[in-house]
Amino acid sequence: MLYWLLYQVLHRYIPAFRVFSYITTRSALASLTALGLTLALGPWLIAKLREWSFGQHIRDDGPQSHKRKAGTPTMGGLLIVIAIVIPTLLWADLSNPYVWLALLGLLGFGVIGFVDDYAKIARKRNLGLTVRRKFWAQVFVAMLIGFFLLLLHAKQAYSTAINFPFFKQYKPDLLVESLTRNFWTYPLAFVFFYLFIVIVMVGSSNAVNLTDGLDGLAIGLMIIASGAMTALTYVSSNADLSSYLDLARLPRSQELTIFCAAMVGASLGFLWYNCHPAQVFMGDIGSLALGGGLGIVAVLIKQEILLFLIGGVYVIEALSVILQVGSYKLRHGKRIFKMAPIHHHFEALGWTESTVIVRFWIAGLVMALFALTTLKLR
């Protein structure tokens, strides 16, 4: 909205306003706007959550040291979502369909998280949506986005090719290849496409959700991951940089830089209140929305595989839960970790909460930096 007013309308009369056409300027402004909104609205929202008795319920099978956190306001993810959506609407070019798809992913998963959080609070127990209902709701949102992506693909506004780290020429496009062979491969091609979209988006959303178990852990890692995605969206849309790095240029991804920058600013602002000891928790509305937003950006800029490196700690956290559950069921009650997700395992080993958080942040930063180096190491 401000982009339209300041650049498309007023820059004809005030030439200096041409600066608002630059993606770097608008990304910086979006990040600062998100940060300012979060810091400004944080105290009010925390007070309201306390007033409404929206307190966190602590699981009985969790670390005993976490019992003191019971009653801490939750659903602070509302603040994160607001602080991402508003700057994106203010500073992005709203004629770009990628912007609306990114917002759809963020809000779609956020609504699922909101319903889950509210159900837990209403029941006064750690029981929200059933796992099955939550999963199928997430699948529905991912498939809805997949449908819109296919519409863009039909208009040659989206590519279904997959980029692989370290391989410059290997960019399989199974959808296109299947459609050009024969009629019988059509169903298989579309099944694979939707399955891939679901795995990336639902997996990303749930991985962030599982990581959100310590004060500031998930949101600190999100600052790192969304920062890396900001860099990726920028280089993918820049003609010179994409040519230098031998990346397929994606001009429409330019506006996603603003969305990702808003994620960075909102995450930084939320960390102010979520750092140990936390004044507020993001809840599922925050973790599912952030994970979904991260996943849809990766899908749009064709860096789905690289997302597994950028969000490496999130992936490890999710795998630790899968391995723990699998081991418990297949090995007759035997566990691999003392507790899952894996951050609780290290707490059980004697690491303090702050130690686990900072060391996981360091691991996340190393993985994100390594992911960015793969752009040239191909």
Protein backbone atom coordinates (compact mmCIF):
# COMPACT_ATOMS: atom_id res chain seq x y z
CA MET A 1 0.00 0.00 0.00
CA LEU A 2 2.75 2.44 0.93
CA TYR A 3 4.77 1.13 -2.02
CA TRP A 4 1.88 1.97 -4.33
CA LEU A 5 1.40 5.43 -2.78
CA LEU A 6 5.02 6.50 -2.39
CA TYR A 7 6.44 5.07 -5.59
CA GLN A 8 3.74 4.47 -8.17
CA VAL A 9 1.85 7.67 -7.36
CA LEU A 10 4.01 10.26 -5.60
CA HIS A 11 7.42 9.64 -7.15
CA ARG A 12 6.22 11.43 -10.30
CA TYR A 13 6.05 14.61 -8.24
CA ILE A 14 8.86 13.86 -5.78
CA PRO A 15 11.72 12.19 -7.70
CA ALA A 16 13.50 11.20 -4.46
CA PHE A 17 10.67 8.74 -3.80
CA ARG A 18 12.13 6.56 -6.54
CA VAL A 19 14.15 5.02 -3.71
CA PHE A 20 11.02 3.07 -2.75
CA SER A 21 11.27 1.09 -5.97
CA TYR A 22 14.44 -0.59 -4.68
CA ILE A 23 13.84 -3.97 -3.12
CA THR A 24 16.65 -3.44 -0.62
CA THR A 25 15.03 -0.25 0.69
CA ARG A 26 11.60 -1.78 1.02
CA SER A 27 12.97 -4.96 2.61
CA ALA A 28 14.79 -2.93 5.24
CA LEU A 29 11.66 -0.87 5.90
CA ALA A 30 9.52 -4.02 6.13
CA SER A 31 11.90 -5.56 8.65
CA LEU A 32 12.02 -2.37 10.74
CA THR A 33 8.24 -2.01 10.57
CA ALA A 34 7.78 -5.59 11.75
CA LEU A 35 10.30 -5.09 14.56
CA GLY A 36 8.62 -1.83 15.64
CA LEU A 37 5.14 -3.36 15.59
CA THR A 38 6.24 -6.32 17.68
CA LEU A 39 8.00 -4.20 20.28
CA ALA A 40 5.14 -1.71 20.45
CA LEU A 41 2.27 -4.19 20.62
CA GLY A 42 4.05 -6.79 22.75
CA PRO A 43 3.29 -5.40 26.24
CA TRP A 44 -0.38 -4.76 25.36
CA LEU A 45 -0.88 -8.26 23.92
CA ILE A 46 0.87 -9.98 26.84
CA ALA A 47 -1.35 -8.06 29.28
CA LYS A 48 -4.46 -9.05 27.32
CA LEU A 49 -3.43 -12.71 27.21
CA ARG A 50 -3.00 -12.64 30.99
CA GLU A 51 -6.36 -10.94 31.36
CA TRP A 52 -8.03 -13.60 29.22
CA SER A 53 -6.19 -16.36 31.17
CA PHE A 54 -4.57 -17.67 28.01
CA GLY A 55 -1.85 -19.47 29.97
CA GLN A 56 0.42 -22.32 28.89
CA HIS A 57 -0.30 -25.82 30.19
CA ILE A 58 2.86 -27.84 30.87
CA ARG A 59 2.87 -31.55 30.01
CA ASP A 60 3.26 -33.95 32.92
CA ASP A 61 5.83 -36.03 31.01
CA GLY A 62 8.02 -33.01 30.23
CA PRO A 63 11.09 -31.81 32.16
CA GLN A 64 10.21 -31.05 35.78
CA SER A 65 12.12 -27.76 35.59
CA HIS A 66 9.46 -26.50 33.17
CA LYS A 67 6.65 -26.75 35.73
CA ARG A 68 7.35 -23.18 36.84
CA LYS A 69 6.42 -21.98 33.35
CA ALA A 70 2.79 -23.04 33.80
CA GLY A 71 0.46 -20.10 33.31
CA THR A 72 2.86 -18.08 31.15
CA PRO A 73 0.75 -16.37 28.44
CA THR A 74 0.64 -18.30 25.19
CA MET A 75 -0.73 -17.61 21.70
CA GLY A 76 1.84 -14.81 21.34
CA GLY A 77 2.14 -15.97 17.75
CA LEU A 78 -0.74 -13.59 17.04
CA LEU A 79 1.80 -10.82 17.45
CA ILE A 80 4.20 -12.50 15.01
CA VAL A 81 1.55 -13.03 12.34
CA ILE A 82 0.31 -9.44 12.60
CA ALA A 83 3.88 -8.12 12.44
CA ILE A 84 4.54 -10.07 9.24
CA VAL A 85 1.28 -9.45 7.42
CA ILE A 86 1.05 -5.67 7.93
CA PRO A 87 4.60 -4.77 6.72
CA THR A 88 4.20 -7.12 3.76
CA LEU A 89 0.96 -5.40 2.76
CA LEU A 90 2.55 -1.98 3.27
CA TRP A 91 5.83 -2.44 1.41
CA ALA A 92 5.33 -5.23 -1.15
CA ASP A 93 3.98 -4.95 -4.68
CA LEU A 94 0.55 -6.49 -4.14
CA SER A 95 0.13 -7.25 -7.83
CA ASN A 96 2.68 -10.05 -7.39
CA PRO A 97 0.88 -13.42 -6.91
CA TYR A 98 3.84 -14.83 -4.94
CA VAL A 99 3.14 -12.34 -2.15
CA TRP A 100 -0.44 -13.53 -1.78
CA LEU A 101 0.59 -17.20 -1.82
CA ALA A 102 3.16 -16.55 0.91
CA LEU A 103 0.52 -14.79 3.01
CA LEU A 104 -1.92 -17.64 2.33
CA GLY A 105 0.61 -20.15 3.61
CA LEU A 106 1.35 -18.08 6.71
CA LEU A 107 -2.30 -17.38 7.56
CA GLY A 108 -3.56 -20.84 6.62
CA PHE A 109 -1.22 -22.62 8.99
CA GLY A 110 -1.69 -19.84 11.53
CA VAL A 111 -5.46 -20.44 11.63
CA ILE A 112 -4.86 -24.14 12.31
CA GLY A 113 -2.51 -23.21 15.14
CA PHE A 114 -5.02 -20.72 16.55
CA VAL A 115 -7.79 -23.34 16.65
CA ASP A 116 -5.42 -25.83 18.28
CA ASP A 117 -4.23 -23.34 20.92
CA TYR A 118 -7.73 -22.16 21.74
CA ALA A 119 -8.94 -25.73 22.11
CA LYS A 120 -6.16 -26.43 24.62
CA ILE A 121 -6.97 -23.32 26.64
CA ALA A 122 -10.73 -23.95 26.59
CA ARG A 123 -10.23 -27.48 27.91
CA LYS A 124 -7.66 -26.34 30.48
CA ARG A 125 -5.47 -29.25 29.44
CA ASN A 126 -2.68 -29.94 27.00
CA LEU A 127 -5.22 -31.26 24.48
CA GLY A 128 -6.00 -29.34 21.32
CA LEU A 129 -6.89 -30.70 17.93
CA THR A 130 -6.26 -34.40 17.48
CA VAL A 131 -3.08 -35.25 15.60
CA ARG A 132 -5.12 -36.58 12.70
CA ARG A 133 -7.32 -33.49 12.38
CA LYS A 134 -4.38 -31.13 12.62
CA PHE A 135 -2.43 -33.11 10.01
CA TRP A 136 -5.27 -33.21 7.48
CA ALA A 137 -5.97 -29.52 7.98
CA GLN A 138 -2.32 -28.82 7.17
CA VAL A 139 -2.48 -31.11 4.13
CA PHE A 140 -5.55 -29.22 2.90
CA VAL A 141 -3.75 -25.85 3.12
CA ALA A 142 -0.68 -27.26 1.36
CA MET A 143 -2.78 -28.80 -1.43
CA LEU A 144 -4.73 -25.56 -1.86
CA ILE A 145 -1.45 -23.73 -2.38
CA GLY A 146 -0.35 -26.51 -4.74
CA PHE A 147 -3.49 -25.92 -6.80
CA PHE A 148 -2.68 -22.21 -7.18
CA LEU A 149 0.90 -23.09 -8.09
CA LEU A 150 -0.36 -25.31 -10.91
CA LEU A 151 -2.46 -22.41 -12.19
CA LEU A 152 0.65 -20.21 -12.19
CA HIS A 153 2.58 -23.02 -13.91
CA ALA A 154 -0.02 -23.13 -16.65
CA LYS A 155 0.61 -19.40 -17.21
CA GLN A 156 4.39 -20.03 -17.19
CA ALA A 157 4.66 -17.98 -13.99
CA TYR A 158 6.00 -20.85 -11.87
CA SER A 159 8.51 -23.63 -12.43
CA THR A 160 8.11 -27.16 -11.09
CA ALA A 161 11.81 -27.97 -11.52
CA ILE A 162 13.76 -28.99 -8.42
CA ASN A 163 17.18 -27.53 -7.62
CA PHE A 164 19.74 -29.79 -5.96
CA PRO A 165 22.68 -28.44 -3.91
CA PHE A 166 26.12 -29.16 -5.39
CA PHE A 167 24.64 -30.09 -8.80
CA LYS A 168 24.63 -27.30 -11.35
CA GLN A 169 22.87 -29.01 -14.22
CA TYR A 170 20.68 -31.52 -12.38
CA LYS A 171 17.28 -29.84 -12.17
CA PRO A 172 14.63 -32.52 -12.70
CA ASP A 173 11.14 -31.37 -13.58
CA LEU A 174 9.16 -34.56 -13.09
CA LEU A 175 5.82 -32.89 -13.72
CA VAL A 176 6.78 -31.57 -17.15
CA GLU A 177 8.70 -34.73 -18.09
CA SER A 178 5.73 -36.92 -17.17
CA LEU A 179 3.25 -34.77 -19.06
CA THR A 180 5.35 -34.91 -22.23
CA ARG A 181 5.59 -38.72 -22.28
CA ASN A 182 2.12 -40.17 -22.43
CA PHE A 183 -1.35 -39.84 -20.99
CA TRP A 184 -0.91 -42.62 -18.43
CA THR A 185 1.79 -40.72 -16.54
CA TYR A 186 -0.49 -37.73 -15.86
CA PRO A 187 -1.98 -38.97 -12.56
CA LEU A 188 1.41 -40.05 -11.23
CA ALA A 189 2.93 -36.66 -12.08
CA PHE A 190 0.26 -34.73 -10.20
CA VAL A 191 0.37 -37.11 -7.23
CA PHE A 192 4.12 -36.61 -6.97
CA PHE A 193 3.78 -32.83 -7.26
CA TYR A 194 1.18 -32.58 -4.50
CA LEU A 195 3.04 -35.09 -2.32
CA PHE A 196 6.22 -33.06 -2.62
CA ILE A 197 4.42 -29.80 -1.74
CA VAL A 198 2.76 -31.45 1.27
CA ILE A 199 6.03 -32.92 2.56
CA VAL A 200 7.86 -29.59 2.33
CA MET A 201 5.15 -27.36 3.80
CA VAL A 202 3.62 -29.69 6.40
CA GLY A 203 7.06 -30.97 7.37
CA SER A 204 8.43 -27.45 7.78
CA SER A 205 5.42 -26.35 9.80
CA ASN A 206 5.54 -29.31 12.19
CA ALA A 207 9.33 -29.17 12.55
CA VAL A 208 9.18 -25.59 13.83
CA ASN A 209 6.29 -26.57 16.10
CA LEU A 210 8.28 -29.44 17.66
CA THR A 211 11.28 -27.18 18.22
CA ASP A 212 9.24 -24.66 20.18
CA GLY A 213 9.91 -26.18 23.61
CA LEU A 214 12.48 -23.87 25.17
CA ASP A 215 12.42 -20.11 25.72
CA GLY A 216 13.59 -18.40 22.53
CA LEU A 217 14.84 -21.58 20.83
CA ALA A 218 12.45 -21.79 17.87
CA ILE A 219 12.19 -18.03 17.31
CA GLY A 220 15.97 -17.56 17.45
CA LEU A 221 16.43 -20.26 14.83
CA MET A 222 13.70 -18.58 12.76
CA ILE A 223 15.71 -15.35 12.70
CA ILE A 224 18.58 -17.33 11.17
CA ALA A 225 16.43 -19.33 8.74
CA SER A 226 14.33 -16.39 7.54
CA GLY A 227 17.49 -14.31 7.19
CA ALA A 228 18.97 -16.98 4.92
CA MET A 229 15.73 -17.12 2.94
CA THR A 230 15.82 -13.34 2.57
CA ALA A 231 19.25 -13.66 0.95
CA LEU A 232 18.06 -16.50 -1.29
CA THR A 233 14.97 -14.64 -2.52
CA TYR A 234 17.08 -11.60 -3.31
CA VAL A 235 19.79 -13.40 -5.28
CA SER A 236 17.18 -15.48 -7.13
CA SER A 237 15.47 -12.34 -8.40
CA ASN A 238 18.61 -10.31 -9.16
CA ALA A 239 19.80 -10.69 -12.75
CA ASP A 240 23.51 -10.23 -12.02
CA LEU A 241 23.67 -12.37 -8.89
CA SER A 242 21.54 -15.19 -10.28
CA SER A 243 23.71 -15.26 -13.40
CA TYR A 244 26.93 -15.28 -11.33
CA LEU A 245 25.66 -18.12 -9.14
CA ASP A 246 24.16 -19.94 -12.14
CA LEU A 247 20.67 -19.91 -10.63
CA ALA A 248 17.46 -19.79 -12.61
CA ARG A 249 16.37 -16.19 -12.40
CA LEU A 250 12.96 -15.79 -10.76
CA PRO A 251 11.93 -12.12 -11.13
CA ARG A 252 8.63 -12.67 -9.30
CA SER A 253 10.47 -13.84 -6.19
CA GLN A 254 11.74 -10.29 -5.68
CA GLU A 255 8.74 -9.32 -3.56
CA LEU A 256 9.23 -12.40 -1.37
CA THR A 257 12.35 -10.68 -0.07
CA ILE A 258 10.03 -8.24 1.70
CA PHE A 259 7.97 -11.07 3.18
CA CYS A 260 11.10 -12.82 4.47
CA ALA A 261 12.54 -9.56 5.81
CA ALA A 262 9.28 -9.00 7.71
CA MET A 263 9.68 -12.50 9.18
CA VAL A 264 13.16 -11.54 10.38
CA GLY A 265 11.93 -8.31 11.98
CA ALA A 266 8.91 -9.96 13.61
CA SER A 267 11.07 -12.79 14.95
CA LEU A 268 13.62 -10.36 16.38
CA GLY A 269 10.88 -8.39 18.10
CA PHE A 270 9.21 -11.48 19.51
CA LEU A 271 12.53 -12.78 20.85
CA TRP A 272 12.63 -9.64 23.05
CA TYR A 273 9.68 -11.07 25.01
CA ASN A 274 10.33 -14.78 24.43
CA CYS A 275 13.98 -14.94 25.57
CA HIS A 276 14.71 -16.84 28.78
CA PRO A 277 12.82 -16.46 31.06
CA ALA A 278 9.96 -16.02 28.59
CA GLN A 279 7.20 -13.49 29.19
CA VAL A 280 5.08 -15.08 26.46
CA PHE A 281 5.07 -18.22 24.30
CA MET A 282 4.22 -18.17 20.61
CA GLY A 283 1.97 -21.25 20.78
CA ASP A 284 0.98 -23.29 17.76
CA ILE A 285 -0.40 -20.22 16.01
CA GLY A 286 3.14 -18.85 15.84
CA SER A 287 5.15 -22.01 15.21
CA LEU A 288 2.82 -23.49 12.58
CA ALA A 289 2.50 -20.14 10.78
CA LEU A 290 6.26 -19.50 10.73
CA GLY A 291 7.02 -23.03 9.56
CA GLY A 292 4.36 -22.82 6.87
CA GLY A 293 5.65 -19.43 5.73
CA LEU A 294 9.19 -20.76 5.52
CA GLY A 295 8.00 -23.78 3.53
CA ILE A 296 5.98 -21.83 0.97
CA VAL A 297 8.89 -19.45 0.30
CA ALA A 298 11.19 -22.43 -0.33
CA VAL A 299 8.61 -23.89 -2.74
CA LEU A 300 8.19 -20.60 -4.60
CA ILE A 301 11.92 -19.96 -5.11
CA LYS A 302 12.64 -23.63 -5.89
CA GLN A 303 14.98 -24.21 -2.95
CA GLU A 304 12.99 -26.97 -1.25
CA ILE A 305 16.02 -29.24 -0.85
CA LEU A 306 18.18 -26.41 0.50
CA LEU A 307 15.51 -25.70 3.12
CA PHE A 308 16.51 -28.94 4.85
CA LEU A 309 19.96 -27.39 5.43
CA ILE A 310 18.76 -23.89 6.26
CA GLY A 311 16.37 -25.31 8.83
CA GLY A 312 18.76 -28.10 9.80
CA VAL A 313 18.10 -27.90 13.54
CA TYR A 314 14.35 -27.98 12.92
CA VAL A 315 14.86 -31.13 10.84
CA ILE A 316 16.95 -32.77 13.55
CA GLU A 317 14.31 -31.95 16.17
CA ALA A 318 11.58 -33.53 14.04
CA LEU A 319 13.69 -36.60 13.26
CA SER A 320 14.44 -37.10 16.95
CA VAL A 321 10.70 -37.36 17.66
CA ILE A 322 10.13 -39.74 14.73
CA LEU A 323 13.03 -41.96 15.83
CA GLN A 324 11.93 -41.90 19.47
CA VAL A 325 8.35 -42.88 18.67
CA GLY A 326 9.48 -45.52 16.16
CA SER A 327 11.94 -47.03 18.63
CA TYR A 328 9.36 -47.09 21.42
CA LYS A 329 6.80 -48.92 19.27
CA LEU A 330 9.13 -51.29 17.39
CA ARG A 331 11.54 -52.09 20.23
CA HIS A 332 8.92 -52.73 22.90
CA GLY A 333 9.27 -49.54 24.92
CA LYS A 334 13.00 -48.93 24.40
CA ARG A 335 13.98 -45.32 23.74
CA ILE A 336 16.88 -43.80 21.83
CA PHE A 337 16.90 -40.48 23.69
CA LYS A 338 16.22 -39.72 27.32
CA MET A 339 13.45 -37.44 26.12
CA ALA A 340 12.24 -36.07 22.78
CA PRO A 341 12.39 -33.64 21.03
CA ILE A 342 16.16 -33.71 21.28
CA HIS A 343 16.50 -30.38 23.12
CA HIS A 344 14.89 -32.09 26.13
CA HIS A 345 17.41 -34.92 25.83
CA PHE A 346 20.25 -32.47 26.40
CA GLU A 347 18.39 -30.94 29.32
CA ALA A 348 18.12 -34.44 30.80
CA LEU A 349 21.89 -34.82 30.35
CA GLY A 350 22.40 -31.81 32.61
CA TRP A 351 22.69 -28.92 30.17
CA THR A 352 20.99 -25.77 31.37
CA GLU A 353 18.15 -24.38 29.28
CA SER A 354 20.20 -21.34 28.23
CA THR A 355 23.11 -23.57 27.20
CA VAL A 356 20.90 -25.73 24.99
CA ILE A 357 19.32 -22.67 23.37
CA VAL A 358 22.55 -20.86 22.52
CA ARG A 359 24.32 -23.99 21.28
CA PHE A 360 21.38 -24.89 19.06
CA TRP A 361 21.41 -21.33 17.70
CA ILE A 362 25.10 -21.76 16.86
CA ALA A 363 24.38 -25.06 15.10
CA GLY A 364 21.52 -23.42 13.18
CA LEU A 365 23.75 -20.53 12.08
CA VAL A 366 26.49 -22.91 10.88
CA MET A 367 23.96 -24.95 8.88
CA ALA A 368 22.40 -21.85 7.31
CA LEU A 369 25.79 -20.45 6.32
CA PHE A 370 26.78 -23.82 4.84
CA ALA A 371 23.51 -23.88 2.89
CA LEU A 372 24.31 -20.48 1.38
CA THR A 373 27.83 -21.60 0.39
CA THR A 374 26.34 -24.44 -1.65
CA LEU A 375 25.01 -21.85 -4.11
CA LYS A 376 28.54 -21.44 -5.45
CA LEU A 377 29.95 -24.87 -4.58
CA ARG A 378 28.30 -26.61 -7.51
